[in-house]
Amino acid sequence: AKLDTKKPQLDISKARLEKFTEGLCVQAMHIGSYDDEP
């Protein structure tokens, strides 16, 4: 409600608050451009 008053041009209704449990994953740090992520 506060942000909608400040920035009425934004569609704040698109945002949602959600609890997210990702669970088991494999991860690594990529250093470099986004296009080099493969």
Full PDB file with SEQRES, HELIX, SHEET, SSBOND, CRYST1, ORIGX, SCALE, CONECT and MASTER records, all heavy atoms in Angstrom:
SEQRES   1 A   38  ALA LYS LEU ASP THR LYS LYS PRO GLN LEU ASP ILE SER          
SEQRES   2 A   38  LYS ALA ARG LEU GLU LYS PHE THR GLU GLY LEU CYS VAL          
SEQRES   3 A   38  GLN ALA MET HIS ILE GLY SER TYR ASP ASP GLU PRO              
HELIX    1 AA1 LYS A    2  LYS A    6  1                                   5    
HELIX    2 AA2 ILE A   12  LYS A   14  5                                   3    
HELIX    3 AA3 TYR A   34  ASP A   36  5                                   3    
CRYST1    1.000    1.000    1.000  90.00  90.00  90.00 P 1           1          
ORIGX1      1.000000  0.000000  0.000000        0.00000                         
ORIGX2      0.000000  1.000000  0.000000        0.00000                         
ORIGX3      0.000000  0.000000  1.000000        0.00000                         
SCALE1      1.000000  0.000000  0.000000        0.00000                         
SCALE2      0.000000  1.000000  0.000000        0.00000                         
SCALE3      0.000000  0.000000  1.000000        0.00000                         
ATOM      1  N   ALA A   1       0.833  -1.209   0.000  1.00  0.00           N  
ATOM      2  CA  ALA A   1       0.000   0.000   0.000  1.00  0.00           C  
ATOM      3  C   ALA A   1       0.865   1.256   0.000  1.00  0.00           C  
ATOM      4  O   ALA A   1       0.562   2.230  -0.701  1.00  0.00           O  
ATOM      5  CB  ALA A   1      -0.920  -0.023   1.218  1.00  0.00           C  
ATOM      6  N   LYS A   2       1.951   1.226   0.750  1.00  0.00           N  
ATOM      7  CA  LYS A   2       2.840   2.382   0.833  1.00  0.00           C  
ATOM      8  C   LYS A   2       3.541   2.621  -0.493  1.00  0.00           C  
ATOM      9  O   LYS A   2       3.644   3.764  -0.972  1.00  0.00           O  
ATOM     10  CB  LYS A   2       3.866   2.155   1.944  1.00  0.00           C  
ATOM     11  CG  LYS A   2       4.635   3.390   2.365  1.00  0.00           C  
ATOM     12  CD  LYS A   2       5.405   3.137   3.654  1.00  0.00           C  
ATOM     13  CE  LYS A   2       6.065   4.405   4.158  1.00  0.00           C  
ATOM     14  NZ  LYS A   2       6.767   4.175   5.439  1.00  0.00           N  
ATOM     15  N   LEU A   3       4.054   1.533  -1.119  1.00  0.00           N  
ATOM     16  CA  LEU A   3       4.752   1.680  -2.399  1.00  0.00           C  
ATOM     17  C   LEU A   3       3.785   2.091  -3.504  1.00  0.00           C  
ATOM     18  O   LEU A   3       4.151   2.862  -4.403  1.00  0.00           O  
ATOM     19  CB  LEU A   3       5.454   0.373  -2.762  1.00  0.00           C  
ATOM     20  CG  LEU A   3       6.309   0.403  -4.030  1.00  0.00           C  
ATOM     21  CD1 LEU A   3       7.446   1.413  -3.894  1.00  0.00           C  
ATOM     22  CD2 LEU A   3       6.874  -0.985  -4.349  1.00  0.00           C  
ATOM     23  N   ASP A   4       2.554   1.606  -3.436  1.00  0.00           N  
ATOM     24  CA  ASP A   4       1.552   1.957  -4.448  1.00  0.00           C  
ATOM     25  C   ASP A   4       1.264   3.451  -4.422  1.00  0.00           C  
ATOM     26  O   ASP A   4       1.018   4.066  -5.468  1.00  0.00           O  
ATOM     27  CB  ASP A   4       0.276   1.158  -4.199  1.00  0.00           C  
ATOM     28  CG  ASP A   4      -0.713   1.285  -5.342  1.00  0.00           C  
ATOM     29  OD1 ASP A   4      -0.284   1.222  -6.515  1.00  0.00           O  
ATOM     30  OD2 ASP A   4      -1.916   1.451  -5.079  1.00  0.00           O  
ATOM     31  N   THR A   5       1.321   4.041  -3.246  1.00  0.00           N  
ATOM     32  CA  THR A   5       1.111   5.487  -3.125  1.00  0.00           C  
ATOM     33  C   THR A   5       2.280   6.265  -3.740  1.00  0.00           C  
ATOM     34  O   THR A   5       2.083   7.288  -4.404  1.00  0.00           O  
ATOM     35  CB  THR A   5       0.956   5.876  -1.642  1.00  0.00           C  
ATOM     36  OG1 THR A   5      -0.172   5.194  -1.093  1.00  0.00           O  
ATOM     37  CG2 THR A   5       0.751   7.372  -1.498  1.00  0.00           C  
ATOM     38  N   LYS A   6       3.504   5.739  -3.528  1.00  0.00           N  
ATOM     39  CA  LYS A   6       4.695   6.419  -4.042  1.00  0.00           C  
ATOM     40  C   LYS A   6       4.874   6.215  -5.542  1.00  0.00           C  
ATOM     41  O   LYS A   6       5.309   7.122  -6.257  1.00  0.00           O  
ATOM     42  CB  LYS A   6       5.932   5.888  -3.317  1.00  0.00           C  
ATOM     43  CG  LYS A   6       6.071   6.336  -1.887  1.00  0.00           C  
ATOM     44  CD  LYS A   6       7.384   5.808  -1.297  1.00  0.00           C  
ATOM     45  CE  LYS A   6       7.600   6.288   0.120  1.00  0.00           C  
ATOM     46  NZ  LYS A   6       8.886   5.759   0.675  1.00  0.00           N  
ATOM     47  N   LYS A   7       4.575   5.010  -6.013  1.00  0.00           N  
ATOM     48  CA  LYS A   7       4.811   4.666  -7.419  1.00  0.00           C  
ATOM     49  C   LYS A   7       3.568   4.003  -8.016  1.00  0.00           C  
ATOM     50  O   LYS A   7       3.546   2.803  -8.262  1.00  0.00           O  
ATOM     51  CB  LYS A   7       6.035   3.758  -7.549  1.00  0.00           C  
ATOM     52  CG  LYS A   7       7.328   4.422  -7.095  1.00  0.00           C  
ATOM     53  CD  LYS A   7       8.553   3.588  -7.460  1.00  0.00           C  
ATOM     54  CE  LYS A   7       9.829   4.334  -7.118  1.00  0.00           C  
ATOM     55  NZ  LYS A   7      11.049   3.591  -7.534  1.00  0.00           N  
ATOM     56  N   PRO A   8       2.527   4.777  -8.254  1.00  0.00           N  
ATOM     57  CA  PRO A   8       1.269   4.217  -8.758  1.00  0.00           C  
ATOM     58  C   PRO A   8       1.389   3.614 -10.151  1.00  0.00           C  
ATOM     59  O   PRO A   8       0.510   2.862 -10.588  1.00  0.00           O  
ATOM     60  CB  PRO A   8       0.315   5.416  -8.746  1.00  0.00           C  
ATOM     61  CG  PRO A   8       1.219   6.611  -8.807  1.00  0.00           C  
ATOM     62  CD  PRO A   8       2.455   6.228  -8.049  1.00  0.00           C  
ATOM     63  N   GLN A   9       2.485   3.926 -10.866  1.00  0.00           N  
ATOM     64  CA  GLN A   9       2.653   3.375 -12.214  1.00  0.00           C  
ATOM     65  C   GLN A   9       3.018   1.892 -12.182  1.00  0.00           C  
ATOM     66  O   GLN A   9       2.908   1.200 -13.208  1.00  0.00           O  
ATOM     67  CB  GLN A   9       3.740   4.161 -12.978  1.00  0.00           C  
ATOM     68  CG  GLN A   9       5.175   3.875 -12.553  1.00  0.00           C  
ATOM     69  CD  GLN A   9       5.628   4.658 -11.336  1.00  0.00           C  
ATOM     70  OE1 GLN A   9       4.819   5.278 -10.656  1.00  0.00           O  
ATOM     71  NE2 GLN A   9       6.921   4.645 -11.084  1.00  0.00           N  
ATOM     72  N   LEU A  10       3.464   1.399 -11.021  1.00  0.00           N  
ATOM     73  CA  LEU A  10       3.826  -0.013 -10.900  1.00  0.00           C  
ATOM     74  C   LEU A  10       2.600  -0.860 -10.577  1.00  0.00           C  
ATOM     75  O   LEU A  10       1.731  -0.436  -9.805  1.00  0.00           O  
ATOM     76  CB  LEU A  10       4.861  -0.203  -9.794  1.00  0.00           C  
ATOM     77  CG  LEU A  10       6.235   0.440  -9.998  1.00  0.00           C  
ATOM     78  CD1 LEU A  10       7.100   0.215  -8.770  1.00  0.00           C  
ATOM     79  CD2 LEU A  10       6.918  -0.131 -11.235  1.00  0.00           C  
ATOM     80  N   ASP A  11       2.547  -2.044 -11.153  1.00  0.00           N  
ATOM     81  CA  ASP A  11       1.456  -2.972 -10.847  1.00  0.00           C  
ATOM     82  C   ASP A  11       1.884  -3.832  -9.663  1.00  0.00           C  
ATOM     83  O   ASP A  11       2.385  -4.947  -9.824  1.00  0.00           O  
ATOM     84  CB  ASP A  11       1.136  -3.840 -12.063  1.00  0.00           C  
ATOM     85  CG  ASP A  11      -0.081  -4.733 -11.853  1.00  0.00           C  
ATOM     86  OD1 ASP A  11      -0.652  -4.702 -10.740  1.00  0.00           O  
ATOM     87  OD2 ASP A  11      -0.450  -5.474 -12.784  1.00  0.00           O  
ATOM     88  N   ILE A  12       1.684  -3.313  -8.463  1.00  0.00           N  
ATOM     89  CA  ILE A  12       2.131  -3.978  -7.243  1.00  0.00           C  
ATOM     90  C   ILE A  12       1.411  -5.304  -7.038  1.00  0.00           C  
ATOM     91  O   ILE A  12       1.901  -6.196  -6.340  1.00  0.00           O  
ATOM     92  CB  ILE A  12       1.917  -3.065  -6.018  1.00  0.00           C  
ATOM     93  CG1 ILE A  12       2.523  -1.680  -6.259  1.00  0.00           C  
ATOM     94  CG2 ILE A  12       2.525  -3.677  -4.762  1.00  0.00           C  
ATOM     95  CD1 ILE A  12       4.013  -1.675  -6.440  1.00  0.00           C  
ATOM     96  N   SER A  13       0.247  -5.468  -7.661  1.00  0.00           N  
ATOM     97  CA  SER A  13      -0.529  -6.708  -7.477  1.00  0.00           C  
ATOM     98  C   SER A  13       0.215  -7.937  -8.008  1.00  0.00           C  
ATOM     99  O   SER A  13      -0.132  -9.072  -7.663  1.00  0.00           O  
ATOM    100  CB  SER A  13      -1.889  -6.599  -8.176  1.00  0.00           C  
ATOM    101  OG  SER A  13      -1.725  -6.534  -9.596  1.00  0.00           O  
ATOM    102  N   LYS A  14       1.238  -7.724  -8.844  1.00  0.00           N  
ATOM    103  CA  LYS A  14       1.999  -8.853  -9.377  1.00  0.00           C  
ATOM    104  C   LYS A  14       2.884  -9.513  -8.319  1.00  0.00           C  
ATOM    105  O   LYS A  14       3.333 -10.646  -8.505  1.00  0.00           O  
ATOM    106  CB  LYS A  14       2.882  -8.377 -10.535  1.00  0.00           C  
ATOM    107  CG  LYS A  14       2.118  -7.994 -11.791  1.00  0.00           C  
ATOM    108  CD  LYS A  14       3.070  -7.619 -12.913  1.00  0.00           C  
ATOM    109  CE  LYS A  14       2.324  -7.326 -14.200  1.00  0.00           C  
ATOM    110  NZ  LYS A  14       3.260  -6.975 -15.309  1.00  0.00           N  
ATOM    111  N   ALA A  15       3.167  -8.800  -7.244  1.00  0.00           N  
ATOM    112  CA  ALA A  15       4.072  -9.317  -6.215  1.00  0.00           C  
ATOM    113  C   ALA A  15       3.313 -10.213  -5.245  1.00  0.00           C  
ATOM    114  O   ALA A  15       2.151  -9.965  -4.904  1.00  0.00           O  
ATOM    115  CB  ALA A  15       4.727  -8.165  -5.460  1.00  0.00           C  
ATOM    116  N   ARG A  16       4.004 -11.249  -4.776  1.00  0.00           N  
ATOM    117  CA  ARG A  16       3.431 -12.127  -3.770  1.00  0.00           C  
ATOM    118  C   ARG A  16       4.500 -12.462  -2.730  1.00  0.00           C  
ATOM    119  O   ARG A  16       5.692 -12.461  -3.026  1.00  0.00           O  
ATOM    120  CB  ARG A  16       2.874 -13.409  -4.383  1.00  0.00           C  
ATOM    121  CG  ARG A  16       3.916 -14.355  -4.968  1.00  0.00           C  
ATOM    122  CD  ARG A  16       3.233 -15.576  -5.589  1.00  0.00           C  
ATOM    123  NE  ARG A  16       4.193 -16.596  -6.003  1.00  0.00           N  
ATOM    124  CZ  ARG A  16       4.861 -16.581  -7.152  1.00  0.00           C  
ATOM    125  NH1 ARG A  16       4.678 -15.590  -8.007  1.00  0.00           N  
ATOM    126  NH2 ARG A  16       5.702 -17.563  -7.442  1.00  0.00           N  
ATOM    127  N   LEU A  17       4.060 -12.739  -1.513  1.00  0.00           N  
ATOM    128  CA  LEU A  17       4.942 -13.186  -0.434  1.00  0.00           C  
ATOM    129  C   LEU A  17       4.773 -14.690  -0.312  1.00  0.00           C  
ATOM    130  O   LEU A  17       3.644 -15.177  -0.187  1.00  0.00           O  
ATOM    131  CB  LEU A  17       4.568 -12.496   0.872  1.00  0.00           C  
ATOM    132  CG  LEU A  17       5.500 -12.745   2.061  1.00  0.00           C  
ATOM    133  CD1 LEU A  17       6.830 -12.022   1.858  1.00  0.00           C  
ATOM    134  CD2 LEU A  17       4.840 -12.282   3.363  1.00  0.00           C  
ATOM    135  N   GLU A  18       5.892 -15.418  -0.356  1.00  0.00           N  
ATOM    136  CA  GLU A  18       5.786 -16.877  -0.389  1.00  0.00           C  
ATOM    137  C   GLU A  18       6.921 -17.534   0.381  1.00  0.00           C  
ATOM    138  O   GLU A  18       8.080 -17.101   0.307  1.00  0.00           O  
ATOM    139  CB  GLU A  18       5.809 -17.367  -1.845  1.00  0.00           C  
ATOM    140  CG  GLU A  18       5.615 -18.853  -1.998  1.00  0.00           C  
ATOM    141  CD  GLU A  18       5.441 -19.268  -3.464  1.00  0.00           C  
ATOM    142  OE1 GLU A  18       4.622 -18.628  -4.166  1.00  0.00           O  
ATOM    143  OE2 GLU A  18       6.132 -20.205  -3.901  1.00  0.00           O  
ATOM    144  N   LYS A  19       6.589 -18.587   1.133  1.00  0.00           N  
ATOM    145  CA  LYS A  19       7.602 -19.433   1.749  1.00  0.00           C  
ATOM    146  C   LYS A  19       8.060 -20.444   0.701  1.00  0.00           C  
ATOM    147  O   LYS A  19       7.235 -21.077   0.044  1.00  0.00           O  
ATOM    148  CB  LYS A  19       7.039 -20.139   2.974  1.00  0.00           C  
ATOM    149  CG  LYS A  19       6.748 -19.211   4.134  1.00  0.00           C  
ATOM    150  CD  LYS A  19       6.227 -19.971   5.345  1.00  0.00           C  
ATOM    151  CE  LYS A  19       5.980 -19.036   6.520  1.00  0.00           C  
ATOM    152  NZ  LYS A  19       5.462 -19.757   7.710  1.00  0.00           N  
ATOM    153  N   PHE A  20       9.363 -20.574   0.550  1.00  0.00           N  
ATOM    154  CA  PHE A  20       9.925 -21.389  -0.531  1.00  0.00           C  
ATOM    155  C   PHE A  20      10.975 -22.316   0.062  1.00  0.00           C  
ATOM    156  O   PHE A  20      11.952 -21.864   0.662  1.00  0.00           O  
ATOM    157  CB  PHE A  20      10.543 -20.461  -1.579  1.00  0.00           C  
ATOM    158  CG  PHE A  20      11.198 -21.171  -2.745  1.00  0.00           C  
ATOM    159  CD1 PHE A  20      10.516 -22.096  -3.499  1.00  0.00           C  
ATOM    160  CD2 PHE A  20      12.517 -20.884  -3.076  1.00  0.00           C  
ATOM    161  CE1 PHE A  20      11.114 -22.732  -4.585  1.00  0.00           C  
ATOM    162  CE2 PHE A  20      13.134 -21.506  -4.155  1.00  0.00           C  
ATOM    163  CZ  PHE A  20      12.422 -22.432  -4.907  1.00  0.00           C  
ATOM    164  N   THR A  21      10.761 -23.627  -0.080  1.00  0.00           N  
ATOM    165  CA  THR A  21      11.715 -24.626   0.363  1.00  0.00           C  
ATOM    166  C   THR A  21      12.297 -25.303  -0.868  1.00  0.00           C  
ATOM    167  O   THR A  21      11.602 -26.066  -1.550  1.00  0.00           O  
ATOM    168  CB  THR A  21      11.059 -25.676   1.275  1.00  0.00           C  
ATOM    169  OG1 THR A  21      10.394 -25.021   2.361  1.00  0.00           O  
ATOM    170  CG2 THR A  21      12.098 -26.639   1.828  1.00  0.00           C  
ATOM    171  N   GLU A  22      13.553 -25.047  -1.160  1.00  0.00           N  
ATOM    172  CA  GLU A  22      14.149 -25.563  -2.387  1.00  0.00           C  
ATOM    173  C   GLU A  22      14.646 -26.990  -2.233  1.00  0.00           C  
ATOM    174  O   GLU A  22      14.621 -27.769  -3.182  1.00  0.00           O  
ATOM    175  CB  GLU A  22      15.295 -24.646  -2.815  1.00  0.00           C  
ATOM    176  CG  GLU A  22      15.727 -24.859  -4.245  1.00  0.00           C  
ATOM    177  CD  GLU A  22      16.567 -23.702  -4.750  1.00  0.00           C  
ATOM    178  OE1 GLU A  22      17.087 -22.923  -3.920  1.00  0.00           O  
ATOM    179  OE2 GLU A  22      16.698 -23.583  -5.973  1.00  0.00           O  
ATOM    180  N   GLY A  23      15.125 -27.344  -1.055  1.00  0.00           N  
ATOM    181  CA  GLY A  23      15.551 -28.718  -0.816  1.00  0.00           C  
ATOM    182  C   GLY A  23      16.912 -29.051  -1.400  1.00  0.00           C  
ATOM    183  O   GLY A  23      17.793 -28.193  -1.515  1.00  0.00           O  
ATOM    184  N   LEU A  24      17.075 -30.298  -1.793  1.00  0.00           N  
ATOM    185  CA  LEU A  24      18.366 -30.815  -2.243  1.00  0.00           C  
ATOM    186  C   LEU A  24      18.751 -30.232  -3.605  1.00  0.00           C  
ATOM    187  O   LEU A  24      17.988 -30.310  -4.563  1.00  0.00           O  
ATOM    188  CB  LEU A  24      18.309 -32.340  -2.333  1.00  0.00           C  
ATOM    189  CG  LEU A  24      19.645 -33.075  -2.495  1.00  0.00           C  
ATOM    190  CD1 LEU A  24      20.516 -32.887  -1.264  1.00  0.00           C  
ATOM    191  CD2 LEU A  24      19.398 -34.562  -2.748  1.00  0.00           C  
ATOM    192  N   CYS A  25      19.963 -29.652  -3.673  1.00  0.00           N  
ATOM    193  CA  CYS A  25      20.446 -29.008  -4.896  1.00  0.00           C  
ATOM    194  C   CYS A  25      21.950 -29.222  -5.041  1.00  0.00           C  
ATOM    195  O   CYS A  25      22.638 -29.583  -4.088  1.00  0.00           O  
ATOM    196  CB  CYS A  25      20.178 -27.502  -4.861  1.00  0.00           C  
ATOM    197  SG  CYS A  25      18.444 -27.016  -4.814  1.00  0.00           S  
ATOM    198  N   VAL A  26      22.447 -28.962  -6.232  1.00  0.00           N  
ATOM    199  CA  VAL A  26      23.881 -28.825  -6.474  1.00  0.00           C  
ATOM    200  C   VAL A  26      24.099 -27.390  -6.935  1.00  0.00           C  
ATOM    201  O   VAL A  26      23.388 -26.898  -7.813  1.00  0.00           O  
ATOM    202  CB  VAL A  26      24.389 -29.828  -7.517  1.00  0.00           C  
ATOM    203  CG1 VAL A  26      25.843 -29.523  -7.904  1.00  0.00           C  
ATOM    204  CG2 VAL A  26      24.273 -31.257  -6.996  1.00  0.00           C  
ATOM    205  N   GLN A  27      25.112 -26.719  -6.360  1.00  0.00           N  
ATOM    206  CA  GLN A  27      25.359 -25.326  -6.698  1.00  0.00           C  
ATOM    207  C   GLN A  27      26.846 -25.079  -6.898  1.00  0.00           C  
ATOM    208  O   GLN A  27      27.694 -25.840  -6.443  1.00  0.00           O  
ATOM    209  CB  GLN A  27      24.828 -24.397  -5.609  1.00  0.00           C  
ATOM    210  CG  GLN A  27      25.574 -24.500  -4.296  1.00  0.00           C  
ATOM    211  CD  GLN A  27      25.062 -23.521  -3.238  1.00  0.00           C  
ATOM    212  OE1 GLN A  27      24.028 -22.886  -3.395  1.00  0.00           O  
ATOM    213  NE2 GLN A  27      25.791 -23.385  -2.148  1.00  0.00           N  
ATOM    214  N   ALA A  28      27.135 -23.984  -7.594  1.00  0.00           N  
ATOM    215  CA  ALA A  28      28.517 -23.538  -7.792  1.00  0.00           C  
ATOM    216  C   ALA A  28      28.497 -22.053  -8.104  1.00  0.00           C  
ATOM    217  O   ALA A  28      27.496 -21.513  -8.599  1.00  0.00           O  
ATOM    218  CB  ALA A  28      29.189 -24.302  -8.917  1.00  0.00           C  
ATOM    219  N   MET A  29      29.618 -21.392  -7.821  1.00  0.00           N  
ATOM    220  CA  MET A  29      29.761 -19.981  -8.157  1.00  0.00           C  
ATOM    221  C   MET A  29      30.247 -19.855  -9.597  1.00  0.00           C  
ATOM    222  O   MET A  29      31.255 -20.458  -9.979  1.00  0.00           O  
ATOM    223  CB  MET A  29      30.771 -19.308  -7.232  1.00  0.00           C  
ATOM    224  CG  MET A  29      30.956 -17.818  -7.505  1.00  0.00           C  
ATOM    225  SD  MET A  29      29.564 -16.840  -6.901  1.00  0.00           S  
ATOM    226  CE  MET A  29      29.942 -16.820  -5.132  1.00  0.00           C  
ATOM    227  N   HIS A  30      29.514 -19.095 -10.388  1.00  0.00           N  
ATOM    228  CA  HIS A  30      29.945 -18.769 -11.753  1.00  0.00           C  
ATOM    229  C   HIS A  30      30.556 -17.381 -11.733  1.00  0.00           C  
ATOM    230  O   HIS A  30      29.928 -16.423 -11.259  1.00  0.00           O  
ATOM    231  CB  HIS A  30      28.763 -18.809 -12.723  1.00  0.00           C  
ATOM    232  CG  HIS A  30      29.080 -18.256 -14.080  1.00  0.00           C  
ATOM    233  ND1 HIS A  30      29.817 -18.950 -15.002  1.00  0.00           N  
ATOM    234  CD2 HIS A  30      28.778 -17.059 -14.652  1.00  0.00           C  
ATOM    235  CE1 HIS A  30      29.947 -18.220 -16.089  1.00  0.00           C  
ATOM    236  NE2 HIS A  30      29.328 -17.062 -15.904  1.00  0.00           N  
ATOM    237  N   ILE A  31      31.779 -17.255 -12.225  1.00  0.00           N  
ATOM    238  CA  ILE A  31      32.431 -15.954 -12.336  1.00  0.00           C  
ATOM    239  C   ILE A  31      32.589 -15.634 -13.818  1.00  0.00           C  
ATOM    240  O   ILE A  31      33.264 -16.357 -14.564  1.00  0.00           O  
ATOM    241  CB  ILE A  31      33.794 -15.950 -11.623  1.00  0.00           C  
ATOM    242  CG1 ILE A  31      33.606 -16.264 -10.130  1.00  0.00           C  
ATOM    243  CG2 ILE A  31      34.483 -14.591 -11.785  1.00  0.00           C  
ATOM    244  CD1 ILE A  31      34.889 -16.337  -9.345  1.00  0.00           C  
ATOM    245  N   GLY A  32      31.958 -14.562 -14.247  1.00  0.00           N  
ATOM    246  CA  GLY A  32      31.994 -14.197 -15.657  1.00  0.00           C  
ATOM    247  C   GLY A  32      30.646 -13.683 -16.121  1.00  0.00           C  
ATOM    248  O   GLY A  32      29.723 -13.485 -15.325  1.00  0.00           O  
ATOM    249  N   SER A  33      30.521 -13.476 -17.401  1.00  0.00           N  
ATOM    250  CA  SER A  33      29.295 -12.911 -17.966  1.00  0.00           C  
ATOM    251  C   SER A  33      28.140 -13.899 -17.863  1.00  0.00           C  
ATOM    252  O   SER A  33      28.337 -15.117 -17.778  1.00  0.00           O  
ATOM    253  CB  SER A  33      29.520 -12.523 -19.426  1.00  0.00           C  
ATOM    254  OG  SER A  33      29.610 -13.682 -20.232  1.00  0.00           O  
ATOM    255  N   TYR A  34      26.938 -13.357 -17.895  1.00  0.00           N  
ATOM    256  CA  TYR A  34      25.759 -14.212 -17.881  1.00  0.00           C  
ATOM    257  C   TYR A  34      25.721 -15.118 -19.116  1.00  0.00           C  
ATOM    258  O   TYR A  34      25.295 -16.273 -19.038  1.00  0.00           O  
ATOM    259  CB  TYR A  34      24.492 -13.358 -17.826  1.00  0.00           C  
ATOM    260  CG  TYR A  34      24.396 -12.463 -16.609  1.00  0.00           C  
ATOM    261  CD1 TYR A  34      23.925 -11.153 -16.722  1.00  0.00           C  
ATOM    262  CD2 TYR A  34      24.781 -12.915 -15.349  1.00  0.00           C  
ATOM    263  CE1 TYR A  34      23.827 -10.328 -15.609  1.00  0.00           C  
ATOM    264  CE2 TYR A  34      24.694 -12.099 -14.233  1.00  0.00           C  
ATOM    265  CZ  TYR A  34      24.213 -10.806 -14.377  1.00  0.00           C  
ATOM    266  OH  TYR A  34      24.124  -9.985 -13.276  1.00  0.00           O  
ATOM    267  N   ASP A  35      26.186 -14.612 -20.244  1.00  0.00           N  
ATOM    268  CA  ASP A  35      26.165 -15.405 -21.475  1.00  0.00           C  
ATOM    269  C   ASP A  35      27.129 -16.597 -21.415  1.00  0.00           C  
ATOM    270  O   ASP A  35      27.009 -17.527 -22.210  1.00  0.00           O  
ATOM    271  CB  ASP A  35      26.523 -14.526 -22.677  1.00  0.00           C  
ATOM    272  CG  ASP A  35      25.418 -13.546 -23.027  1.00  0.00           C  
ATOM    273  OD1 ASP A  35      24.257 -13.805 -22.657  1.00  0.00           O  
ATOM    274  OD2 ASP A  35      25.712 -12.521 -23.674  1.00  0.00           O  
ATOM    275  N   ASP A  36      28.067 -16.560 -20.480  1.00  0.00           N  
ATOM    276  CA  ASP A  36      29.032 -17.648 -20.330  1.00  0.00           C  
ATOM    277  C   ASP A  36      28.593 -18.673 -19.281  1.00  0.00           C  
ATOM    278  O   ASP A  36      29.329 -19.610 -18.968  1.00  0.00           O  
ATOM    279  CB  ASP A  36      30.405 -17.067 -19.949  1.00  0.00           C  
ATOM    280  CG  ASP A  36      31.530 -18.088 -20.064  1.00  0.00           C  
ATOM    281  OD1 ASP A  36      31.481 -18.924 -20.983  1.00  0.00           O  
ATOM    282  OD2 ASP A  36      32.457 -18.049 -19.222  1.00  0.00           O  
ATOM    283  N   GLU A  37      27.385 -18.534 -18.762  1.00  0.00           N  
ATOM    284  CA  GLU A  37      26.908 -19.458 -17.739  1.00  0.00           C  
ATOM    285  C   GLU A  37      26.836 -20.919 -18.182  1.00  0.00           C  
ATOM    286  O   GLU A  37      26.998 -21.818 -17.346  1.00  0.00           O  
ATOM    287  CB  GLU A  37      25.539 -19.010 -17.227  1.00  0.00           C  
ATOM    288  CG  GLU A  37      25.608 -17.819 -16.301  1.00  0.00           C  
ATOM    289  CD  GLU A  37      24.253 -17.426 -15.761  1.00  0.00           C  
ATOM    290  OE1 GLU A  37      23.291 -18.211 -15.941  1.00  0.00           O  
ATOM    291  OE2 GLU A  37      24.146 -16.343 -15.169  1.00  0.00           O  
ATOM    292  N   PRO A  38      26.571 -21.217 -19.472  1.00  0.00           N  
ATOM    293  CA  PRO A  38      26.548 -22.635 -19.864  1.00  0.00           C  
ATOM    294  C   PRO A  38      27.814 -23.387 -19.494  1.00  0.00           C  
ATOM    295  O   PRO A  38      27.768 -24.606 -19.258  1.00  0.00           O  
ATOM    296  CB  PRO A  38      26.353 -22.562 -21.383  1.00  0.00           C  
ATOM    297  CG  PRO A  38      25.587 -21.302 -21.591  1.00  0.00           C  
ATOM    298  CD  PRO A  38      26.148 -20.338 -20.583  1.00  0.00           C  
TER     299      PRO A  38                                                      
MASTER        0    0    0    3    0    0    0    6  298    1    0    3          
END                                                                             
